[in-house]
Amino acid sequence: MIKTWRSTNADMIHAVCLPRAGESKIKMATTRVRYWILGKVSDIDLPIEAGDFKLLPRRAVNHLLKLKEKRLFLRD
């Protein structure tokens, strides 16, 4: 991520890791249920088998901290 960030003009980098290797069967089962429920009650489309990561510059983090959110959701 850092290599991509340094070689581009991007302010932030978002990466998705497929599949989520190393997760237990129980965790993935509960994740599937939660994502299914979320898909039924919202317009958010989340791939179940994906983990996501972000690289944010300090100024973006500072703006996010000003929001005072307890459970901030940032996934694209």
Protein backbone atom coordinates (compact mmCIF):
# COMPACT_ATOMS: atom_id res chain seq x y z
CA MET A 1 0.00 0.00 0.00
CA ILE A 2 2.78 2.41 0.87
CA LYS A 3 4.53 1.69 -2.42
CA THR A 4 1.32 2.45 -4.36
CA TRP A 5 0.68 5.57 -2.29
CA ARG A 6 4.18 6.90 -2.89
CA SER A 7 4.06 6.18 -6.64
CA THR A 8 0.70 7.91 -7.22
CA ASN A 9 -0.95 11.23 -6.53
CA ALA A 10 -3.62 9.57 -4.38
CA ASP A 11 -4.59 11.12 -1.04
CA MET A 12 -5.61 7.73 0.32
CA ILE A 13 -5.35 4.08 -0.66
CA HIS A 14 -8.12 1.50 -0.23
CA ALA A 15 -7.30 -2.20 -0.62
CA VAL A 16 -9.47 -5.31 -0.49
CA CYS A 17 -8.02 -8.68 0.44
CA LEU A 18 -9.77 -11.71 -1.08
CA PRO A 19 -10.40 -14.25 0.38
CA ARG A 20 -10.28 -13.79 4.13
CA ALA A 21 -7.79 -16.56 4.81
CA GLY A 22 -7.28 -17.72 8.38
CA GLU A 23 -10.77 -16.87 9.66
CA SER A 24 -12.51 -19.63 11.63
CA LYS A 25 -15.64 -21.29 10.26
CA ILE A 26 -17.67 -19.89 13.15
CA LYS A 27 -16.50 -16.33 12.52
CA MET A 28 -17.22 -16.60 8.79
CA ALA A 29 -20.68 -18.08 9.50
CA THR A 30 -21.58 -15.20 11.81
CA THR A 31 -20.12 -12.74 9.29
CA ARG A 32 -22.35 -14.19 6.54
CA VAL A 33 -25.42 -13.81 8.76
CA ARG A 34 -24.55 -10.21 9.71
CA TYR A 35 -23.84 -9.23 6.11
CA TRP A 36 -27.06 -10.90 4.95
CA ILE A 37 -29.04 -8.91 7.54
CA LEU A 38 -27.21 -5.71 6.61
CA GLY A 39 -28.01 -6.34 2.94
CA LYS A 40 -31.71 -6.73 3.78
CA VAL A 41 -32.00 -3.53 5.83
CA SER A 42 -29.71 -1.20 3.86
CA ASP A 43 -28.35 -0.33 0.43
CA ILE A 44 -24.80 -1.21 1.46
CA ASP A 45 -23.33 -4.01 -0.68
CA LEU A 46 -20.43 -5.70 1.13
CA PRO A 47 -18.54 -8.70 -0.20
CA ILE A 48 -18.53 -11.32 2.56
CA GLU A 49 -15.19 -12.87 1.67
CA ALA A 50 -13.31 -9.56 1.70
CA GLY A 51 -11.29 -7.72 4.29
CA ASP A 52 -10.52 -4.10 3.57
CA PHE A 53 -7.67 -1.82 4.53
CA LYS A 54 -7.04 1.90 4.14
CA LEU A 55 -3.99 4.12 4.19
CA LEU A 56 -5.05 7.63 5.19
CA PRO A 57 -2.99 10.79 5.47
CA ARG A 58 -2.94 12.50 8.87
CA ARG A 59 -5.21 15.34 7.67
CA ALA A 60 -7.91 12.81 6.70
CA VAL A 61 -7.60 11.07 10.08
CA ASN A 62 -7.90 14.42 11.85
CA HIS A 63 -11.13 15.18 9.97
CA LEU A 64 -12.54 11.75 10.83
CA LEU A 65 -11.69 12.24 14.51
CA LYS A 66 -13.69 15.47 14.53
CA LEU A 67 -16.85 13.49 13.67
CA LYS A 68 -16.95 11.97 17.18
CA GLU A 69 -18.45 8.76 15.78
CA LYS A 70 -18.40 5.75 18.08
CA ARG A 71 -18.62 3.18 15.27
CA LEU A 72 -17.38 4.94 12.16
CA PHE A 73 -18.00 3.01 8.92
CA LEU A 74 -15.60 3.72 6.03
CA ARG A 75 -15.84 0.79 3.64
CA ASP A 76 -16.26 1.64 -0.05
